[in-house]
Amino acid sequence: MISIENELNIETEAVGLNVWVKNRTIYIELSDFRIIAFPADRFKILNSATDEELQEVQLRLNGKALRWENLDEDITLQGIMQGRFQLPM
């Protein structure tokens, strides 16, 4: 059975709608109504960032990536969803 999405090749993956930081944890609200979170300390640059620097996160690439301009750090939503972290817990 071929769905309309497959027939038209429409991308249906969830994208980020909102992002925030609380207690060094990054939270992302997704377009499919889920909220995912991960510890900032799982990434090298974020691990050494101050709490204030972590707060400066922005959604980019139509909700497919996180960006910290002052830290020059980009993390894709796909990488987060696939568990591709740089540092162990």
PDB file of N, CA and C in Angstrom:
ATOM      1  N   MET A   1       0.838  -1.170   0.000  1.00  0.00           N
ATOM      2  CA  MET A   1       0.000   0.000   0.000  1.00  0.00           C
ATOM      3  C   MET A   1       0.889   1.241   0.000  1.00  0.00           C
ATOM      4  N   ILE A   2       0.639   2.166  -0.879  1.00  0.00           N
ATOM      5  CA  ILE A   2       1.417   3.392  -0.979  1.00  0.00           C
ATOM      6  C   ILE A   2       0.597   4.534  -0.400  1.00  0.00           C
ATOM      7  N   SER A   3       1.170   5.218   0.570  1.00  0.00           N
ATOM      8  CA  SER A   3       0.459   6.346   1.162  1.00  0.00           C
ATOM      9  C   SER A   3       0.618   7.581   0.281  1.00  0.00           C
ATOM     10  N   ILE A   4      -0.219   8.542   0.510  1.00  0.00           N
ATOM     11  CA  ILE A   4      -0.127   9.798  -0.233  1.00  0.00           C
ATOM     12  C   ILE A   4       1.223  10.450  -0.006  1.00  0.00           C
ATOM     13  N   GLU A   5       1.728  10.394   1.250  1.00  0.00           N
ATOM     14  CA  GLU A   5       3.014  11.001   1.552  1.00  0.00           C
ATOM     15  C   GLU A   5       4.125  10.372   0.722  1.00  0.00           C
ATOM     16  N   ASN A   6       4.109   9.029   0.599  1.00  0.00           N
ATOM     17  CA  ASN A   6       5.133   8.351  -0.198  1.00  0.00           C
ATOM     18  C   ASN A   6       4.970   8.670  -1.675  1.00  0.00           C
ATOM     19  N   GLU A   7       3.741   8.691  -2.137  1.00  0.00           N
ATOM     20  CA  GLU A   7       3.474   8.959  -3.548  1.00  0.00           C
ATOM     21  C   GLU A   7       3.953  10.357  -3.939  1.00  0.00           C
ATOM     22  N   LEU A   8       3.727  11.329  -3.080  1.00  0.00           N
ATOM     23  CA  LEU A   8       4.113  12.702  -3.375  1.00  0.00           C
ATOM     24  C   LEU A   8       5.499  13.050  -2.861  1.00  0.00           C
ATOM     25  N   ASN A   9       6.137  12.097  -2.167  1.00  0.00           N
ATOM     26  CA  ASN A   9       7.459  12.289  -1.599  1.00  0.00           C
ATOM     27  C   ASN A   9       7.492  13.491  -0.634  1.00  0.00           C
ATOM     28  N   ILE A  10       6.484  13.581   0.208  1.00  0.00           N
ATOM     29  CA  ILE A  10       6.393  14.653   1.193  1.00  0.00           C
ATOM     30  C   ILE A  10       7.158  14.238   2.441  1.00  0.00           C
ATOM     31  N   GLU A  11       7.973  15.141   2.935  1.00  0.00           N
ATOM     32  CA  GLU A  11       8.728  14.883   4.153  1.00  0.00           C
ATOM     33  C   GLU A  11       7.790  14.985   5.355  1.00  0.00           C
ATOM     34  N   THR A  12       7.758  13.941   6.176  1.00  0.00           N
ATOM     35  CA  THR A  12       6.840  13.932   7.307  1.00  0.00           C
ATOM     36  C   THR A  12       7.564  13.837   8.644  1.00  0.00           C
ATOM     37  N   GLU A  13       8.866  14.015   8.673  1.00  0.00           N
ATOM     38  CA  GLU A  13       9.587  13.926   9.927  1.00  0.00           C
ATOM     39  C   GLU A  13       9.271  15.146  10.803  1.00  0.00           C
ATOM     40  N   ALA A  14       9.318  14.913  12.097  1.00  0.00           N
ATOM     41  CA  ALA A  14       9.047  15.989  13.045  1.00  0.00           C
ATOM     42  C   ALA A  14      10.179  17.006  13.023  1.00  0.00           C
ATOM     43  N   VAL A  15       9.822  18.250  13.229  1.00  0.00           N
ATOM     44  CA  VAL A  15      10.801  19.330  13.326  1.00  0.00           C
ATOM     45  C   VAL A  15      10.573  20.065  14.647  1.00  0.00           C
ATOM     46  N   GLY A  16      11.583  20.798  15.056  1.00  0.00           N
ATOM     47  CA  GLY A  16      11.486  21.549  16.294  1.00  0.00           C
ATOM     48  C   GLY A  16      10.636  22.800  16.132  1.00  0.00           C
ATOM     49  N   LEU A  17       9.763  23.029  17.105  1.00  0.00           N
ATOM     50  CA  LEU A  17       8.934  24.230  17.129  1.00  0.00           C
ATOM     51  C   LEU A  17       9.394  25.223  18.183  1.00  0.00           C
ATOM     52  N   ASN A  18       9.977  24.687  19.250  1.00  0.00           N
ATOM     53  CA  ASN A  18      10.394  25.515  20.377  1.00  0.00           C
ATOM     54  C   ASN A  18      11.570  24.828  21.063  1.00  0.00           C
ATOM     55  N   VAL A  19      12.483  25.620  21.599  1.00  0.00           N
ATOM     56  CA  VAL A  19      13.624  25.064  22.326  1.00  0.00           C
ATOM     57  C   VAL A  19      13.881  25.920  23.548  1.00  0.00           C
ATOM     58  N   TRP A  20      14.233  25.275  24.654  1.00  0.00           N
ATOM     59  CA  TRP A  20      14.573  25.992  25.879  1.00  0.00           C
ATOM     60  C   TRP A  20      15.539  25.162  26.709  1.00  0.00           C
ATOM     61  N   VAL A  21      16.170  25.819  27.663  1.00  0.00           N
ATOM     62  CA  VAL A  21      17.166  25.185  28.515  1.00  0.00           C
ATOM     63  C   VAL A  21      16.759  25.385  29.969  1.00  0.00           C
ATOM     64  N   LYS A  22      16.829  24.296  30.737  1.00  0.00           N
ATOM     65  CA  LYS A  22      16.557  24.362  32.174  1.00  0.00           C
ATOM     66  C   LYS A  22      17.485  23.381  32.873  1.00  0.00           C
ATOM     67  N   ASN A  23      18.238  23.872  33.829  1.00  0.00           N
ATOM     68  CA  ASN A  23      19.166  23.025  34.606  1.00  0.00           C
ATOM     69  C   ASN A  23      20.127  22.238  33.707  1.00  0.00           C
ATOM     70  N   ARG A  24      20.693  22.917  32.706  1.00  0.00           N
ATOM     71  CA  ARG A  24      21.668  22.336  31.782  1.00  0.00           C
ATOM     72  C   ARG A  24      21.102  21.187  30.951  1.00  0.00           C
ATOM     73  N   THR A  25      19.798  21.158  30.802  1.00  0.00           N
ATOM     74  CA  THR A  25      19.124  20.203  29.934  1.00  0.00           C
ATOM     75  C   THR A  25      18.452  20.981  28.814  1.00  0.00           C
ATOM     76  N   ILE A  26      18.642  20.517  27.571  1.00  0.00           N
ATOM     77  CA  ILE A  26      18.058  21.149  26.402  1.00  0.00           C
ATOM     78  C   ILE A  26      16.746  20.434  26.084  1.00  0.00           C
ATOM     79  N   TYR A  27      15.653  21.179  26.005  1.00  0.00           N
ATOM     80  CA  TYR A  27      14.329  20.649  25.693  1.00  0.00           C
ATOM     81  C   TYR A  27      13.907  21.150  24.318  1.00  0.00           C
ATOM     82  N   ILE A  28      13.306  20.248  23.533  1.00  0.00           N
ATOM     83  CA  ILE A  28      12.835  20.605  22.206  1.00  0.00           C
ATOM     84  C   ILE A  28      11.398  20.120  22.054  1.00  0.00           C
ATOM     85  N   GLU A  29      10.504  21.041  21.755  1.00  0.00           N
ATOM     86  CA  GLU A  29       9.121  20.691  21.449  1.00  0.00           C
ATOM     87  C   GLU A  29       9.042  20.421  19.950  1.00  0.00           C
ATOM     88  N   LEU A  30       8.526  19.243  19.590  1.00  0.00           N
ATOM     89  CA  LEU A  30       8.480  18.812  18.198  1.00  0.00           C
ATOM     90  C   LEU A  30       7.101  19.033  17.582  1.00  0.00           C
ATOM     91  N   SER A  31       7.076  19.084  16.263  1.00  0.00           N
ATOM     92  CA  SER A  31       5.838  19.305  15.527  1.00  0.00           C
ATOM     93  C   SER A  31       4.852  18.146  15.664  1.00  0.00           C
ATOM     94  N   ASP A  32       5.308  16.990  16.137  1.00  0.00           N
ATOM     95  CA  ASP A  32       4.402  15.849  16.346  1.00  0.00           C
ATOM     96  C   ASP A  32       3.950  15.757  17.805  1.00  0.00           C
ATOM     97  N   PHE A  33       4.099  16.857  18.550  1.00  0.00           N
ATOM     98  CA  PHE A  33       3.622  17.022  19.920  1.00  0.00           C
ATOM     99  C   PHE A  33       4.496  16.361  20.983  1.00  0.00           C
ATOM    100  N   ARG A  34       5.621  15.761  20.596  1.00  0.00           N
ATOM    101  CA  ARG A  34       6.549  15.216  21.593  1.00  0.00           C
ATOM    102  C   ARG A  34       7.442  16.330  22.109  1.00  0.00           C
ATOM    103  N   ILE A  35       7.983  16.106  23.294  1.00  0.00           N
ATOM    104  CA  ILE A  35       9.048  16.951  23.831  1.00  0.00           C
ATOM    105  C   ILE A  35      10.200  16.016  24.142  1.00  0.00           C
ATOM    106  N   ILE A  36      11.350  16.304  23.559  1.00  0.00           N
ATOM    107  CA  ILE A  36      12.548  15.505  23.827  1.00  0.00           C
ATOM    108  C   ILE A  36      13.541  16.375  24.579  1.00  0.00           C
ATOM    109  N   ALA A  37      14.447  15.724  25.287  1.00  0.00           N
ATOM    110  CA  ALA A  37      15.438  16.466  26.071  1.00  0.00           C
ATOM    111  C   ALA A  37      16.736  15.679  26.123  1.00  0.00           C
ATOM    112  N   PHE A  38      17.827  16.423  26.299  1.00  0.00           N
ATOM    113  CA  PHE A  38      19.129  15.784  26.473  1.00  0.00           C
ATOM    114  C   PHE A  38      20.003  16.698  27.322  1.00  0.00           C
ATOM    115  N   PRO A  39      20.943  16.105  28.076  1.00  0.00           N
ATOM    116  CA  PRO A  39      21.857  16.923  28.874  1.00  0.00           C
ATOM    117  C   PRO A  39      22.854  17.654  27.984  1.00  0.00           C
ATOM    118  N   ALA A  40      23.031  18.934  28.213  1.00  0.00           N
ATOM    119  CA  ALA A  40      23.995  19.722  27.445  1.00  0.00           C
ATOM    120  C   ALA A  40      25.398  19.136  27.562  1.00  0.00           C
ATOM    121  N   ASP A  41      25.682  18.521  28.666  1.00  0.00           N
ATOM    122  CA  ASP A  41      27.026  18.000  28.923  1.00  0.00           C
ATOM    123  C   ASP A  41      27.389  16.791  28.067  1.00  0.00           C
ATOM    124  N   ARG A  42      26.501  16.357  27.185  1.00  0.00           N
ATOM    125  CA  ARG A  42      26.817  15.265  26.268  1.00  0.00           C
ATOM    126  C   ARG A  42      27.575  15.743  25.034  1.00  0.00           C
ATOM    127  N   PHE A  43      27.753  17.071  24.905  1.00  0.00           N
ATOM    128  CA  PHE A  43      28.491  17.646  23.783  1.00  0.00           C
ATOM    129  C   PHE A  43      29.654  18.475  24.317  1.00  0.00           C
ATOM    130  N   LYS A  44      30.824  18.351  23.682  1.00  0.00           N
ATOM    131  CA  LYS A  44      32.056  18.982  24.166  1.00  0.00           C
ATOM    132  C   LYS A  44      31.907  20.481  24.385  1.00  0.00           C
ATOM    133  N   ILE A  45      31.451  21.199  23.399  1.00  0.00           N
ATOM    134  CA  ILE A  45      31.368  22.657  23.520  1.00  0.00           C
ATOM    135  C   ILE A  45      30.312  23.054  24.537  1.00  0.00           C
ATOM    136  N   LEU A  46      29.175  22.378  24.521  1.00  0.00           N
ATOM    137  CA  LEU A  46      28.120  22.714  25.472  1.00  0.00           C
ATOM    138  C   LEU A  46      28.514  22.353  26.897  1.00  0.00           C
ATOM    139  N   ASN A  47      29.316  21.330  27.047  1.00  0.00           N
ATOM    140  CA  ASN A  47      29.787  20.902  28.367  1.00  0.00           C
ATOM    141  C   ASN A  47      30.564  22.019  29.066  1.00  0.00           C
ATOM    142  N   SER A  48      31.328  22.782  28.300  1.00  0.00           N
ATOM    143  CA  SER A  48      32.137  23.849  28.895  1.00  0.00           C
ATOM    144  C   SER A  48      31.443  25.212  28.855  1.00  0.00           C
ATOM    145  N   ALA A  49      30.235  25.275  28.296  1.00  0.00           N
ATOM    146  CA  ALA A  49      29.500  26.537  28.211  1.00  0.00           C
ATOM    147  C   ALA A  49      28.902  26.910  29.563  1.00  0.00           C
ATOM    148  N   THR A  50      28.760  28.209  29.776  1.00  0.00           N
ATOM    149  CA  THR A  50      28.096  28.681  30.990  1.00  0.00           C
ATOM    150  C   THR A  50      26.586  28.493  30.837  1.00  0.00           C
ATOM    151  N   ASP A  51      25.868  28.575  31.935  1.00  0.00           N
ATOM    152  CA  ASP A  51      24.409  28.478  31.883  1.00  0.00           C
ATOM    153  C   ASP A  51      23.826  29.587  31.011  1.00  0.00           C
ATOM    154  N   GLU A  52      24.403  30.773  31.082  1.00  0.00           N
ATOM    155  CA  GLU A  52      23.933  31.893  30.273  1.00  0.00           C
ATOM    156  C   GLU A  52      24.157  31.634  28.782  1.00  0.00           C
ATOM    157  N   GLU A  53      25.298  31.066  28.443  1.00  0.00           N
ATOM    158  CA  GLU A  53      25.581  30.752  27.038  1.00  0.00           C
ATOM    159  C   GLU A  53      24.618  29.692  26.507  1.00  0.00           C
ATOM    160  N   LEU A  54      24.277  28.711  27.330  1.00  0.00           N
ATOM    161  CA  LEU A  54      23.344  27.672  26.893  1.00  0.00           C
ATOM    162  C   LEU A  54      21.972  28.245  26.570  1.00  0.00           C
ATOM    163  N   GLN A  55      21.573  29.272  27.296  1.00  0.00           N
ATOM    164  CA  GLN A  55      20.259  29.889  27.096  1.00  0.00           C
ATOM    165  C   GLN A  55      20.122  30.542  25.721  1.00  0.00           C
ATOM    166  N   GLU A  56      21.205  30.802  25.042  1.00  0.00           N
ATOM    167  CA  GLU A  56      21.192  31.515  23.762  1.00  0.00           C
ATOM    168  C   GLU A  56      20.919  30.605  22.562  1.00  0.00           C
ATOM    169  N   VAL A  57      20.354  29.449  22.785  1.00  0.00           N
ATOM    170  CA  VAL A  57      20.068  28.492  21.709  1.00  0.00           C
ATOM    171  C   VAL A  57      18.932  29.002  20.826  1.00  0.00           C
ATOM    172  N   GLN A  58      19.052  28.687  19.535  1.00  0.00           N
ATOM    173  CA  GLN A  58      18.028  29.042  18.548  1.00  0.00           C
ATOM    174  C   GLN A  58      17.754  27.843  17.650  1.00  0.00           C
ATOM    175  N   LEU A  59      16.526  27.746  17.180  1.00  0.00           N
ATOM    176  CA  LEU A  59      16.190  26.756  16.160  1.00  0.00           C
ATOM    177  C   LEU A  59      16.575  27.323  14.802  1.00  0.00           C
ATOM    178  N   ARG A  60      17.177  26.501  13.971  1.00  0.00           N
ATOM    179  CA  ARG A  60      17.584  26.902  12.625  1.00  0.00           C
ATOM    180  C   ARG A  60      17.176  25.827  11.625  1.00  0.00           C
ATOM    181  N   LEU A  61      17.386  26.121  10.373  1.00  0.00           N
ATOM    182  CA  LEU A  61      17.090  25.191   9.268  1.00  0.00           C
ATOM    183  C   LEU A  61      15.662  24.654   9.348  1.00  0.00           C
ATOM    184  N   ASN A  62      14.718  25.576   9.514  1.00  0.00           N
ATOM    185  CA  ASN A  62      13.301  25.197   9.579  1.00  0.00           C
ATOM    186  C   ASN A  62      13.017  24.169  10.669  1.00  0.00           C
ATOM    187  N   GLY A  63      13.666  24.339  11.822  1.00  0.00           N
ATOM    188  CA  GLY A  63      13.426  23.462  12.961  1.00  0.00           C
ATOM    189  C   GLY A  63      14.196  22.159  12.940  1.00  0.00           C
ATOM    190  N   LYS A  64      15.199  22.049  12.050  1.00  0.00           N
ATOM    191  CA  LYS A  64      15.966  20.812  11.943  1.00  0.00           C
ATOM    192  C   LYS A  64      17.315  20.864  12.648  1.00  0.00           C
ATOM    193  N   ALA A  65      17.657  22.004  13.223  1.00  0.00           N
ATOM    194  CA  ALA A  65      18.960  22.132  13.892  1.00  0.00           C
ATOM    195  C   ALA A  65      18.884  23.141  15.020  1.00  0.00           C
ATOM    196  N   LEU A  66      19.775  22.963  15.980  1.00  0.00           N
ATOM    197  CA  LEU A  66      19.954  23.910  17.077  1.00  0.00           C
ATOM    198  C   LEU A  66      21.241  24.682  16.817  1.00  0.00           C
ATOM    199  N   ARG A  67      21.235  25.967  17.157  1.00  0.00           N
ATOM    200  CA  ARG A  67      22.409  26.812  16.916  1.00  0.00           C
ATOM    201  C   ARG A  67      22.686  27.674  18.130  1.00  0.00           C
ATOM    202  N   TRP A  68      23.957  27.668  18.567  1.00  0.00           N
ATOM    203  CA  TRP A  68      24.467  28.583  19.580  1.00  0.00           C
ATOM    204  C   TRP A  68      25.479  29.470  18.862  1.00  0.00           C
ATOM    205  N   GLU A  69      25.065  30.640  18.462  1.00  0.00           N
ATOM    206  CA  GLU A  69      25.887  31.535  17.655  1.00  0.00           C
ATOM    207  C   GLU A  69      27.191  31.890  18.363  1.00  0.00           C
ATOM    208  N   ASN A  70      27.125  32.306  19.615  1.00  0.00           N
ATOM    209  CA  ASN A  70      28.328  32.739  20.339  1.00  0.00           C
ATOM    210  C   ASN A  70      29.294  31.599  20.624  1.00  0.00           C
ATOM    211  N   LEU A  71      28.789  30.367  20.645  1.00  0.00           N
ATOM    212  CA  LEU A  71      29.654  29.203  20.860  1.00  0.00           C
ATOM    213  C   LEU A  71      30.097  28.575  19.540  1.00  0.00           C
ATOM    214  N   ASP A  72      29.526  29.038  18.428  1.00  0.00           N
ATOM    215  CA  ASP A  72      29.763  28.457  17.107  1.00  0.00           C
ATOM    216  C   ASP A  72      29.491  26.956  17.118  1.00  0.00           C
ATOM    217  N   GLU A  73      28.334  26.581  17.663  1.00  0.00           N
ATOM    218  CA  GLU A  73      27.948  25.170  17.794  1.00  0.00           C
ATOM    219  C   GLU A  73      26.604  24.940  17.103  1.00  0.00           C
ATOM    220  N   ASP A  74      26.553  23.888  16.295  1.00  0.00           N
ATOM    221  CA  ASP A  74      25.333  23.462  15.620  1.00  0.00           C
ATOM    222  C   ASP A  74      25.119  21.983  15.913  1.00  0.00           C
ATOM    223  N   ILE A  75      23.880  21.619  16.213  1.00  0.00           N
ATOM    224  CA  ILE A  75      23.529  20.223  16.458  1.00  0.00           C
ATOM    225  C   ILE A  75      22.240  19.948  15.702  1.00  0.00           C
ATOM    226  N   THR A  76      22.224  18.883  14.908  1.00  0.00           N
ATOM    227  CA  THR A  76      21.018  18.562  14.160  1.00  0.00           C
ATOM    228  C   THR A  76      20.034  17.799  15.022  1.00  0.00           C
ATOM    229  N   LEU A  77      18.779  18.017  14.735  1.00  0.00           N
ATOM    230  CA  LEU A  77      17.727  17.289  15.424  1.00  0.00           C
ATOM    231  C   LEU A  77      17.827  15.805  15.100  1.00  0.00           C
ATOM    232  N   GLN A  78      18.161  15.486  13.865  1.00  0.00           N
ATOM    233  CA  GLN A  78      18.319  14.092  13.467  1.00  0.00           C
ATOM    234  C   GLN A  78      19.405  13.403  14.307  1.00  0.00           C
ATOM    235  N   GLY A  79      20.524  14.073  14.518  1.00  0.00           N
ATOM    236  CA  GLY A  79      21.587  13.497  15.338  1.00  0.00           C
ATOM    237  C   GLY A  79      21.150  13.255  16.770  1.00  0.00           C
ATOM    238  N   ILE A  80      20.409  14.193  17.320  1.00  0.00           N
ATOM    239  CA  ILE A  80      19.898  14.024  18.684  1.00  0.00           C
ATOM    240  C   ILE A  80      18.952  12.833  18.739  1.00  0.00           C
ATOM    241  N   MET A  81      18.028  12.766  17.774  1.00  0.00           N
ATOM    242  CA  MET A  81      17.043  11.679  17.751  1.00  0.00           C
ATOM    243  C   MET A  81      17.716  10.316  17.574  1.00  0.00           C
ATOM    244  N   GLN A  82      18.855  10.290  16.906  1.00  0.00           N
ATOM    245  CA  GLN A  82      19.580   9.037  16.694  1.00  0.00           C
ATOM    246  C   GLN A  82      20.577   8.740  17.808  1.00  0.00           C
ATOM    247  N   GLY A  83      20.627   9.607  18.818  1.00  0.00           N
ATOM    248  CA  GLY A  83      21.512   9.378  19.954  1.00  0.00           C
ATOM    249  C   GLY A  83      22.979   9.586  19.653  1.00  0.00           C
ATOM    250  N   ARG A  84      23.312  10.429  18.679  1.00  0.00           N
ATOM    251  CA  ARG A  84      24.716  10.674  18.332  1.00  0.00           C
ATOM    252  C   ARG A  84      25.280  11.780  19.205  1.00  0.00           C
ATOM    253  N   PHE A  85      25.732  11.415  20.384  1.00  0.00           N
ATOM    254  CA  PHE A  85      26.309  12.349  21.336  1.00  0.00           C
ATOM    255  C   PHE A  85      27.825  12.201  21.333  1.00  0.00           C
ATOM    256  N   GLN A  86      28.534  13.245  21.741  1.00  0.00           N
ATOM    257  CA  GLN A  86      30.000  13.214  21.733  1.00  0.00           C
ATOM    258  C   GLN A  86      30.588  12.647  23.013  1.00  0.00           C
ATOM    259  N   LEU A  87      29.893  12.835  24.120  1.00  0.00           N
ATOM    260  CA  LEU A  87      30.435  12.435  25.417  1.00  0.00           C
ATOM    261  C   LEU A  87      29.504  11.451  26.121  1.00  0.00           C
ATOM    262  N   PRO A  88      30.070  10.511  26.890  1.00  0.00           N
ATOM    263  CA  PRO A  88      29.221   9.573  27.633  1.00  0.00           C
ATOM    264  C   PRO A  88      28.529  10.276  28.802  1.00  0.00           C
ATOM    265  N   MET A  89      27.538   9.622  29.352  1.00  0.00           N
ATOM    266  CA  MET A  89      26.834  10.149  30.520  1.00  0.00           C
ATOM    267  C   MET A  89      27.760  10.256  31.709  1.00  0.00           C
TER     268      MET A  89
END
